[in-house]
Amino acid sequence: MTEPTSRRDIVMPELDMLGITTTLSLWLTQVGAAVIAGDRVVEIVAGDVVVDISAPVTGTLSEKLVAEDQPVQAGQVLGRISGT
């Protein structure tokens, strides 16, 4: 019997930059690729600042919910990591 797969969201953190548009600049990992908790998976641009978002858990990037060059907001789910 196969155990259920758990999923964990990659969530856009709260950045203390009022009035500045934040954009998902680049996915650093492809869907289906293995990631380790702490690996950089997404680059966010906020004004002149680049912020890396790390994998919250070890697993496989299973979904990208936001395309590159799209605006993002704090709390928004950017993608999902599946693991067992």
PDB file of N, CA and C in Angstrom:
ATOM      1  N   MET A   1       0.849  -1.182   0.000  1.00  0.00           N
ATOM      2  CA  MET A   1       0.000   0.000   0.000  1.00  0.00           C
ATOM      3  C   MET A   1       0.890   1.239   0.000  1.00  0.00           C
ATOM      4  N   THR A   2       0.535   2.212  -0.798  1.00  0.00           N
ATOM      5  CA  THR A   2       1.290   3.456  -0.902  1.00  0.00           C
ATOM      6  C   THR A   2       0.804   4.445   0.151  1.00  0.00           C
ATOM      7  N   GLU A   3       1.754   5.103   0.821  1.00  0.00           N
ATOM      8  CA  GLU A   3       1.389   6.104   1.815  1.00  0.00           C
ATOM      9  C   GLU A   3       0.947   7.383   1.106  1.00  0.00           C
ATOM     10  N   PRO A   4       0.043   8.148   1.721  1.00  0.00           N
ATOM     11  CA  PRO A   4      -0.391   9.404   1.096  1.00  0.00           C
ATOM     12  C   PRO A   4       0.766  10.381   0.976  1.00  0.00           C
ATOM     13  N   THR A   5       0.725  11.152  -0.089  1.00  0.00           N
ATOM     14  CA  THR A   5       1.739  12.172  -0.314  1.00  0.00           C
ATOM     15  C   THR A   5       1.319  13.455   0.382  1.00  0.00           C
ATOM     16  N   SER A   6       2.242  14.042   1.105  1.00  0.00           N
ATOM     17  CA  SER A   6       1.943  15.320   1.754  1.00  0.00           C
ATOM     18  C   SER A   6       2.389  16.448   0.832  1.00  0.00           C
ATOM     19  N   ARG A   7       1.693  17.569   0.914  1.00  0.00           N
ATOM     20  CA  ARG A   7       2.064  18.745   0.119  1.00  0.00           C
ATOM     21  C   ARG A   7       2.266  19.920   1.050  1.00  0.00           C
ATOM     22  N   ARG A   8       3.213  20.749   0.691  1.00  0.00           N
ATOM     23  CA  ARG A   8       3.488  21.949   1.475  1.00  0.00           C
ATOM     24  C   ARG A   8       3.574  23.125   0.522  1.00  0.00           C
ATOM     25  N   ASP A   9       2.909  24.213   0.876  1.00  0.00           N
ATOM     26  CA  ASP A   9       2.892  25.398   0.034  1.00  0.00           C
ATOM     27  C   ASP A   9       4.189  26.202   0.169  1.00  0.00           C
ATOM     28  N   ILE A  10       4.596  26.803  -0.939  1.00  0.00           N
ATOM     29  CA  ILE A  10       5.657  27.813  -0.942  1.00  0.00           C
ATOM     30  C   ILE A  10       4.913  29.141  -0.918  1.00  0.00           C
ATOM     31  N   VAL A  11       5.052  29.889   0.171  1.00  0.00           N
ATOM     32  CA  VAL A  11       4.246  31.082   0.396  1.00  0.00           C
ATOM     33  C   VAL A  11       5.109  32.338   0.320  1.00  0.00           C
ATOM     34  N   MET A  12       4.566  33.352  -0.334  1.00  0.00           N
ATOM     35  CA  MET A  12       5.231  34.649  -0.415  1.00  0.00           C
ATOM     36  C   MET A  12       5.257  35.276   0.969  1.00  0.00           C
ATOM     37  N   PRO A  13       6.454  35.579   1.487  1.00  0.00           N
ATOM     38  CA  PRO A  13       6.532  36.174   2.827  1.00  0.00           C
ATOM     39  C   PRO A  13       6.115  37.642   2.824  1.00  0.00           C
ATOM     40  N   GLU A  14       5.873  38.159   4.003  1.00  0.00           N
ATOM     41  CA  GLU A  14       5.580  39.582   4.197  1.00  0.00           C
ATOM     42  C   GLU A  14       6.893  40.339   4.076  1.00  0.00           C
ATOM     43  N   LEU A  15       6.972  41.261   3.133  1.00  0.00           N
ATOM     44  CA  LEU A  15       8.150  42.108   2.991  1.00  0.00           C
ATOM     45  C   LEU A  15       7.776  43.496   3.467  1.00  0.00           C
ATOM     46  N   ASP A  16       8.643  44.120   4.212  1.00  0.00           N
ATOM     47  CA  ASP A  16       8.355  45.431   4.786  1.00  0.00           C
ATOM     48  C   ASP A  16       8.728  46.526   3.793  1.00  0.00           C
ATOM     49  N   MET A  17       8.016  46.557   2.637  1.00  0.00           N
ATOM     50  CA  MET A  17       8.324  47.515   1.583  1.00  0.00           C
ATOM     51  C   MET A  17       7.014  48.093   1.053  1.00  0.00           C
ATOM     52  N   LEU A  18       6.421  48.975   1.803  1.00  0.00           N
ATOM     53  CA  LEU A  18       5.136  49.554   1.440  1.00  0.00           C
ATOM     54  C   LEU A  18       5.206  50.296   0.110  1.00  0.00           C
ATOM     55  N   GLY A  19       4.207  50.062  -0.718  1.00  0.00           N
ATOM     56  CA  GLY A  19       4.104  50.784  -1.979  1.00  0.00           C
ATOM     57  C   GLY A  19       5.005  50.280  -3.091  1.00  0.00           C
ATOM     58  N   ILE A  20       5.794  49.236  -2.825  1.00  0.00           N
ATOM     59  CA  ILE A  20       6.687  48.707  -3.861  1.00  0.00           C
ATOM     60  C   ILE A  20       6.088  47.419  -4.416  1.00  0.00           C
ATOM     61  N   THR A  21       5.994  47.337  -5.728  1.00  0.00           N
ATOM     62  CA  THR A  21       5.469  46.148  -6.381  1.00  0.00           C
ATOM     63  C   THR A  21       6.470  45.008  -6.257  1.00  0.00           C
ATOM     64  N   THR A  22       5.973  43.851  -5.863  1.00  0.00           N
ATOM     65  CA  THR A  22       6.821  42.663  -5.809  1.00  0.00           C
ATOM     66  C   THR A  22       6.430  41.732  -6.946  1.00  0.00           C
ATOM     67  N   THR A  23       7.437  41.162  -7.590  1.00  0.00           N
ATOM     68  CA  THR A  23       7.238  40.334  -8.781  1.00  0.00           C
ATOM     69  C   THR A  23       8.003  39.035  -8.638  1.00  0.00           C
ATOM     70  N   LEU A  24       7.368  37.939  -9.035  1.00  0.00           N
ATOM     71  CA  LEU A  24       8.089  36.679  -9.110  1.00  0.00           C
ATOM     72  C   LEU A  24       8.980  36.776 -10.341  1.00  0.00           C
ATOM     73  N   SER A  25      10.253  36.863 -10.117  1.00  0.00           N
ATOM     74  CA  SER A  25      11.210  37.097 -11.193  1.00  0.00           C
ATOM     75  C   SER A  25      11.625  35.809 -11.894  1.00  0.00           C
ATOM     76  N   LEU A  26      11.949  34.776 -11.101  1.00  0.00           N
ATOM     77  CA  LEU A  26      12.550  33.580 -11.688  1.00  0.00           C
ATOM     78  C   LEU A  26      12.309  32.367 -10.817  1.00  0.00           C
ATOM     79  N   TRP A  27      11.858  31.288 -11.440  1.00  0.00           N
ATOM     80  CA  TRP A  27      11.828  29.992 -10.768  1.00  0.00           C
ATOM     81  C   TRP A  27      13.212  29.377 -10.924  1.00  0.00           C
ATOM     82  N   LEU A  28      13.829  28.992  -9.830  1.00  0.00           N
ATOM     83  CA  LEU A  28      15.173  28.410  -9.843  1.00  0.00           C
ATOM     84  C   LEU A  28      15.134  26.891  -9.915  1.00  0.00           C
ATOM     85  N   THR A  29      13.934  26.320  -9.809  1.00  0.00           N
ATOM     86  CA  THR A  29      13.733  24.874  -9.814  1.00  0.00           C
ATOM     87  C   THR A  29      12.607  24.541 -10.773  1.00  0.00           C
ATOM     88  N   GLN A  30      12.737  23.447 -11.474  1.00  0.00           N
ATOM     89  CA  GLN A  30      11.707  23.007 -12.412  1.00  0.00           C
ATOM     90  C   GLN A  30      10.738  22.033 -11.732  1.00  0.00           C
ATOM     91  N   VAL A  31       9.496  21.994 -12.200  1.00  0.00           N
ATOM     92  CA  VAL A  31       8.526  21.028 -11.696  1.00  0.00           C
ATOM     93  C   VAL A  31       9.100  19.623 -11.895  1.00  0.00           C
ATOM     94  N   GLY A  32       8.982  18.805 -10.861  1.00  0.00           N
ATOM     95  CA  GLY A  32       9.501  17.441 -10.903  1.00  0.00           C
ATOM     96  C   GLY A  32      10.892  17.308 -10.307  1.00  0.00           C
ATOM     97  N   ALA A  33      11.557  18.430 -10.047  1.00  0.00           N
ATOM     98  CA  ALA A  33      12.911  18.397  -9.484  1.00  0.00           C
ATOM     99  C   ALA A  33      12.859  18.216  -7.970  1.00  0.00           C
ATOM    100  N   ALA A  34      13.807  17.455  -7.462  1.00  0.00           N
ATOM    101  CA  ALA A  34      13.935  17.267  -6.019  1.00  0.00           C
ATOM    102  C   ALA A  34      14.518  18.522  -5.390  1.00  0.00           C
ATOM    103  N   VAL A  35      14.012  18.867  -4.201  1.00  0.00           N
ATOM    104  CA  VAL A  35      14.537  19.997  -3.435  1.00  0.00           C
ATOM    105  C   VAL A  35      14.748  19.558  -1.995  1.00  0.00           C
ATOM    106  N   ILE A  36      15.682  20.224  -1.351  1.00  0.00           N
ATOM    107  CA  ILE A  36      15.957  19.994   0.060  1.00  0.00           C
ATOM    108  C   ILE A  36      15.514  21.244   0.804  1.00  0.00           C
ATOM    109  N   ALA A  37      14.926  21.059   1.981  1.00  0.00           N
ATOM    110  CA  ALA A  37      14.498  22.200   2.788  1.00  0.00           C
ATOM    111  C   ALA A  37      15.641  23.202   2.880  1.00  0.00           C
ATOM    112  N   GLY A  38      15.347  24.453   2.551  1.00  0.00           N
ATOM    113  CA  GLY A  38      16.358  25.505   2.574  1.00  0.00           C
ATOM    114  C   GLY A  38      16.931  25.834   1.209  1.00  0.00           C
ATOM    115  N   ASP A  39      16.731  24.960   0.213  1.00  0.00           N
ATOM    116  CA  ASP A  39      17.177  25.253  -1.154  1.00  0.00           C
ATOM    117  C   ASP A  39      16.420  26.465  -1.691  1.00  0.00           C
ATOM    118  N   ARG A  40      17.118  27.334  -2.410  1.00  0.00           N
ATOM    119  CA  ARG A  40      16.472  28.457  -3.077  1.00  0.00           C
ATOM    120  C   ARG A  40      15.626  27.914  -4.232  1.00  0.00           C
ATOM    121  N   VAL A  41      14.349  28.292  -4.284  1.00  0.00           N
ATOM    122  CA  VAL A  41      13.487  27.810  -5.364  1.00  0.00           C
ATOM    123  C   VAL A  41      12.886  28.937  -6.201  1.00  0.00           C
ATOM    124  N   VAL A  42      12.789  30.145  -5.633  1.00  0.00           N
ATOM    125  CA  VAL A  42      12.143  31.264  -6.320  1.00  0.00           C
ATOM    126  C   VAL A  42      12.906  32.550  -6.016  1.00  0.00           C
ATOM    127  N   GLU A  43      13.017  33.424  -7.031  1.00  0.00           N
ATOM    128  CA  GLU A  43      13.536  34.777  -6.822  1.00  0.00           C
ATOM    129  C   GLU A  43      12.390  35.760  -6.957  1.00  0.00           C
ATOM    130  N   ILE A  44      12.296  36.661  -5.985  1.00  0.00           N
ATOM    131  CA  ILE A  44      11.296  37.720  -5.985  1.00  0.00           C
ATOM    132  C   ILE A  44      12.040  39.041  -6.114  1.00  0.00           C
ATOM    133  N   VAL A  45      11.514  39.960  -6.922  1.00  0.00           N
ATOM    134  CA  VAL A  45      12.104  41.294  -7.042  1.00  0.00           C
ATOM    135  C   VAL A  45      11.130  42.288  -6.424  1.00  0.00           C
ATOM    136  N   ALA A  46      11.662  43.116  -5.524  1.00  0.00           N
ATOM    137  CA  ALA A  46      10.880  44.171  -4.892  1.00  0.00           C
ATOM    138  C   ALA A  46      11.679  45.458  -5.043  1.00  0.00           C
ATOM    139  N   GLY A  47      11.303  46.276  -6.010  1.00  0.00           N
ATOM    140  CA  GLY A  47      12.090  47.467  -6.302  1.00  0.00           C
ATOM    141  C   GLY A  47      13.449  47.055  -6.839  1.00  0.00           C
ATOM    142  N   ASP A  48      14.509  47.456  -6.149  1.00  0.00           N
ATOM    143  CA  ASP A  48      15.873  47.095  -6.554  1.00  0.00           C
ATOM    144  C   ASP A  48      16.416  45.913  -5.760  1.00  0.00           C
ATOM    145  N   VAL A  49      15.572  45.293  -4.943  1.00  0.00           N
ATOM    146  CA  VAL A  49      16.004  44.217  -4.053  1.00  0.00           C
ATOM    147  C   VAL A  49      15.549  42.865  -4.601  1.00  0.00           C
ATOM    148  N   VAL A  50      16.463  41.894  -4.602  1.00  0.00           N
ATOM    149  CA  VAL A  50      16.127  40.523  -4.985  1.00  0.00           C
ATOM    150  C   VAL A  50      16.065  39.688  -3.713  1.00  0.00           C
ATOM    151  N   VAL A  51      14.954  38.984  -3.536  1.00  0.00           N
ATOM    152  CA  VAL A  51      14.742  38.151  -2.354  1.00  0.00           C
ATOM    153  C   VAL A  51      14.584  36.711  -2.810  1.00  0.00           C
ATOM    154  N   ASP A  52      15.351  35.812  -2.198  1.00  0.00           N
ATOM    155  CA  ASP A  52      15.224  34.389  -2.499  1.00  0.00           C
ATOM    156  C   ASP A  52      14.213  33.755  -1.550  1.00  0.00           C
ATOM    157  N   ILE A  53      13.354  32.907  -2.095  1.00  0.00           N
ATOM    158  CA  ILE A  53      12.414  32.130  -1.296  1.00  0.00           C
ATOM    159  C   ILE A  53      12.932  30.700  -1.298  1.00  0.00           C
ATOM    160  N   SER A  54      13.018  30.116  -0.114  1.00  0.00           N
ATOM    161  CA  SER A  54      13.564  28.766   0.026  1.00  0.00           C
ATOM    162  C   SER A  54      12.461  27.725   0.157  1.00  0.00           C
ATOM    163  N   ALA A  55      12.795  26.492  -0.152  1.00  0.00           N
ATOM    164  CA  ALA A  55      11.874  25.376   0.024  1.00  0.00           C
ATOM    165  C   ALA A  55      11.619  25.183   1.512  1.00  0.00           C
ATOM    166  N   PRO A  56      10.352  25.112   1.924  1.00  0.00           N
ATOM    167  CA  PRO A  56      10.053  24.941   3.346  1.00  0.00           C
ATOM    168  C   PRO A  56      10.291  23.511   3.835  1.00  0.00           C
ATOM    169  N   VAL A  57      10.295  22.551   2.909  1.00  0.00           N
ATOM    170  CA  VAL A  57      10.482  21.140   3.251  1.00  0.00           C
ATOM    171  C   VAL A  57      11.261  20.447   2.140  1.00  0.00           C
ATOM    172  N   THR A  58      11.729  19.247   2.416  1.00  0.00           N
ATOM    173  CA  THR A  58      12.381  18.413   1.417  1.00  0.00           C
ATOM    174  C   THR A  58      11.303  17.652   0.648  1.00  0.00           C
ATOM    175  N   GLY A  59      11.460  17.549  -0.659  1.00  0.00           N
ATOM    176  CA  GLY A  59      10.491  16.829  -1.485  1.00  0.00           C
ATOM    177  C   GLY A  59      10.730  17.122  -2.949  1.00  0.00           C
ATOM    178  N   THR A  60       9.643  17.197  -3.704  1.00  0.00           N
ATOM    179  CA  THR A  60       9.687  17.450  -5.144  1.00  0.00           C
ATOM    180  C   THR A  60       8.787  18.632  -5.466  1.00  0.00           C
ATOM    181  N   LEU A  61       9.300  19.577  -6.256  1.00  0.00           N
ATOM    182  CA  LEU A  61       8.455  20.692  -6.684  1.00  0.00           C
ATOM    183  C   LEU A  61       7.368  20.120  -7.576  1.00  0.00           C
ATOM    184  N   SER A  62       6.131  20.189  -7.110  1.00  0.00           N
ATOM    185  CA  SER A  62       5.034  19.552  -7.842  1.00  0.00           C
ATOM    186  C   SER A  62       4.179  20.529  -8.640  1.00  0.00           C
ATOM    187  N   GLU A  63       4.152  21.806  -8.225  1.00  0.00           N
ATOM    188  CA  GLU A  63       3.328  22.790  -8.926  1.00  0.00           C
ATOM    189  C   GLU A  63       3.947  24.175  -8.848  1.00  0.00           C
ATOM    190  N   LYS A  64       3.826  24.911  -9.932  1.00  0.00           N
ATOM    191  CA  LYS A  64       4.123  26.345  -9.956  1.00  0.00           C
ATOM    192  C   LYS A  64       2.788  27.038 -10.171  1.00  0.00           C
ATOM    193  N   LEU A  65       2.365  27.823  -9.210  1.00  0.00           N
ATOM    194  CA  LEU A  65       1.062  28.466  -9.295  1.00  0.00           C
ATOM    195  C   LEU A  65       1.133  29.899  -9.801  1.00  0.00           C
ATOM    196  N   VAL A  66       2.336  30.454  -9.852  1.00  0.00           N
ATOM    197  CA  VAL A  66       2.536  31.822 -10.352  1.00  0.00           C
ATOM    198  C   VAL A  66       3.626  31.769 -11.418  1.00  0.00           C
ATOM    199  N   ALA A  67       3.366  32.382 -12.551  1.00  0.00           N
ATOM    200  CA  ALA A  67       4.344  32.426 -13.644  1.00  0.00           C
ATOM    201  C   ALA A  67       5.394  33.495 -13.373  1.00  0.00           C
ATOM    202  N   GLU A  68       6.532  33.360 -14.036  1.00  0.00           N
ATOM    203  CA  GLU A  68       7.579  34.377 -13.942  1.00  0.00           C
ATOM    204  C   GLU A  68       7.056  35.707 -14.468  1.00  0.00           C
ATOM    205  N   ASP A  69       7.581  36.786 -13.916  1.00  0.00           N
ATOM    206  CA  ASP A  69       7.230  38.164 -14.278  1.00  0.00           C
ATOM    207  C   ASP A  69       5.810  38.561 -13.879  1.00  0.00           C
ATOM    208  N   GLN A  70       5.217  37.813 -12.930  1.00  0.00           N
ATOM    209  CA  GLN A  70       3.882  38.151 -12.442  1.00  0.00           C
ATOM    210  C   GLN A  70       3.987  38.791 -11.057  1.00  0.00           C
ATOM    211  N   PRO A  71       3.141  39.792 -10.770  1.00  0.00           N
ATOM    212  CA  PRO A  71       3.146  40.403  -9.436  1.00  0.00           C
ATOM    213  C   PRO A  71       2.642  39.405  -8.393  1.00  0.00           C
ATOM    214  N   VAL A  72       3.180  39.528  -7.175  1.00  0.00           N
ATOM    215  CA  VAL A  72       2.774  38.656  -6.077  1.00  0.00           C
ATOM    216  C   VAL A  72       2.530  39.491  -4.826  1.00  0.00           C
ATOM    217  N   GLN A  73       1.749  38.922  -3.918  1.00  0.00           N
ATOM    218  CA  GLN A  73       1.405  39.597  -2.668  1.00  0.00           C
ATOM    219  C   GLN A  73       1.798  38.725  -1.491  1.00  0.00           C
ATOM    220  N   ALA A  74       2.010  39.361  -0.341  1.00  0.00           N
ATOM    221  CA  ALA A  74       2.310  38.630   0.885  1.00  0.00           C
ATOM    222  C   ALA A  74       1.209  37.606   1.153  1.00  0.00           C
ATOM    223  N   GLY A  75       1.610  36.403   1.508  1.00  0.00           N
ATOM    224  CA  GLY A  75       0.664  35.339   1.820  1.00  0.00           C
ATOM    225  C   GLY A  75       0.209  34.522   0.623  1.00  0.00           C
ATOM    226  N   GLN A  76       0.537  34.969  -0.578  1.00  0.00           N
ATOM    227  CA  GLN A  76       0.121  34.266  -1.785  1.00  0.00           C
ATOM    228  C   GLN A  76       0.915  32.966  -1.917  1.00  0.00           C
ATOM    229  N   VAL A  77       0.217  31.895  -2.315  1.00  0.00           N
ATOM    230  CA  VAL A  77       0.874  30.611  -2.555  1.00  0.00           C
ATOM    231  C   VAL A  77       1.511  30.655  -3.943  1.00  0.00           C
ATOM    232  N   LEU A  78       2.825  30.459  -3.979  1.00  0.00           N
ATOM    233  CA  LEU A  78       3.580  30.537  -5.239  1.00  0.00           C
ATOM    234  C   LEU A  78       3.694  29.179  -5.933  1.00  0.00           C
ATOM    235  N   GLY A  79       3.768  28.136  -5.131  1.00  0.00           N
ATOM    236  CA  GLY A  79       3.932  26.786  -5.664  1.00  0.00           C
ATOM    237  C   GLY A  79       3.763  25.778  -4.558  1.00  0.00           C
ATOM    238  N   ARG A  80       3.956  24.497  -4.901  1.00  0.00           N
ATOM    239  CA  ARG A  80       3.791  23.433  -3.900  1.00  0.00           C
ATOM    240  C   ARG A  80       4.916  22.409  -4.031  1.00  0.00           C
ATOM    241  N   ILE A  81       5.294  21.875  -2.876  1.00  0.00           N
ATOM    242  CA  ILE A  81       6.277  20.805  -2.809  1.00  0.00           C
ATOM    243  C   ILE A  81       5.585  19.572  -2.268  1.00  0.00           C
ATOM    244  N   SER A  82       5.760  18.449  -2.951  1.00  0.00           N
ATOM    245  CA  SER A  82       5.191  17.182  -2.508  1.00  0.00           C
ATOM    246  C   SER A  82       6.290  16.313  -1.930  1.00  0.00           C
ATOM    247  N   GLY A  83       5.926  15.572  -0.923  1.00  0.00           N
ATOM    248  CA  GLY A  83       6.866  14.640  -0.316  1.00  0.00           C
ATOM    249  C   GLY A  83       6.090  13.455   0.234  1.00  0.00           C
ATOM    250  N   THR A  84       6.812  12.511   0.801  1.00  0.00           N
ATOM    251  CA  THR A  84       6.115  11.350   1.371  1.00  0.00           C
ATOM    252  C   THR A  84       6.280  11.318   2.866  1.00  0.00           C
TER     253      THR A  84
END
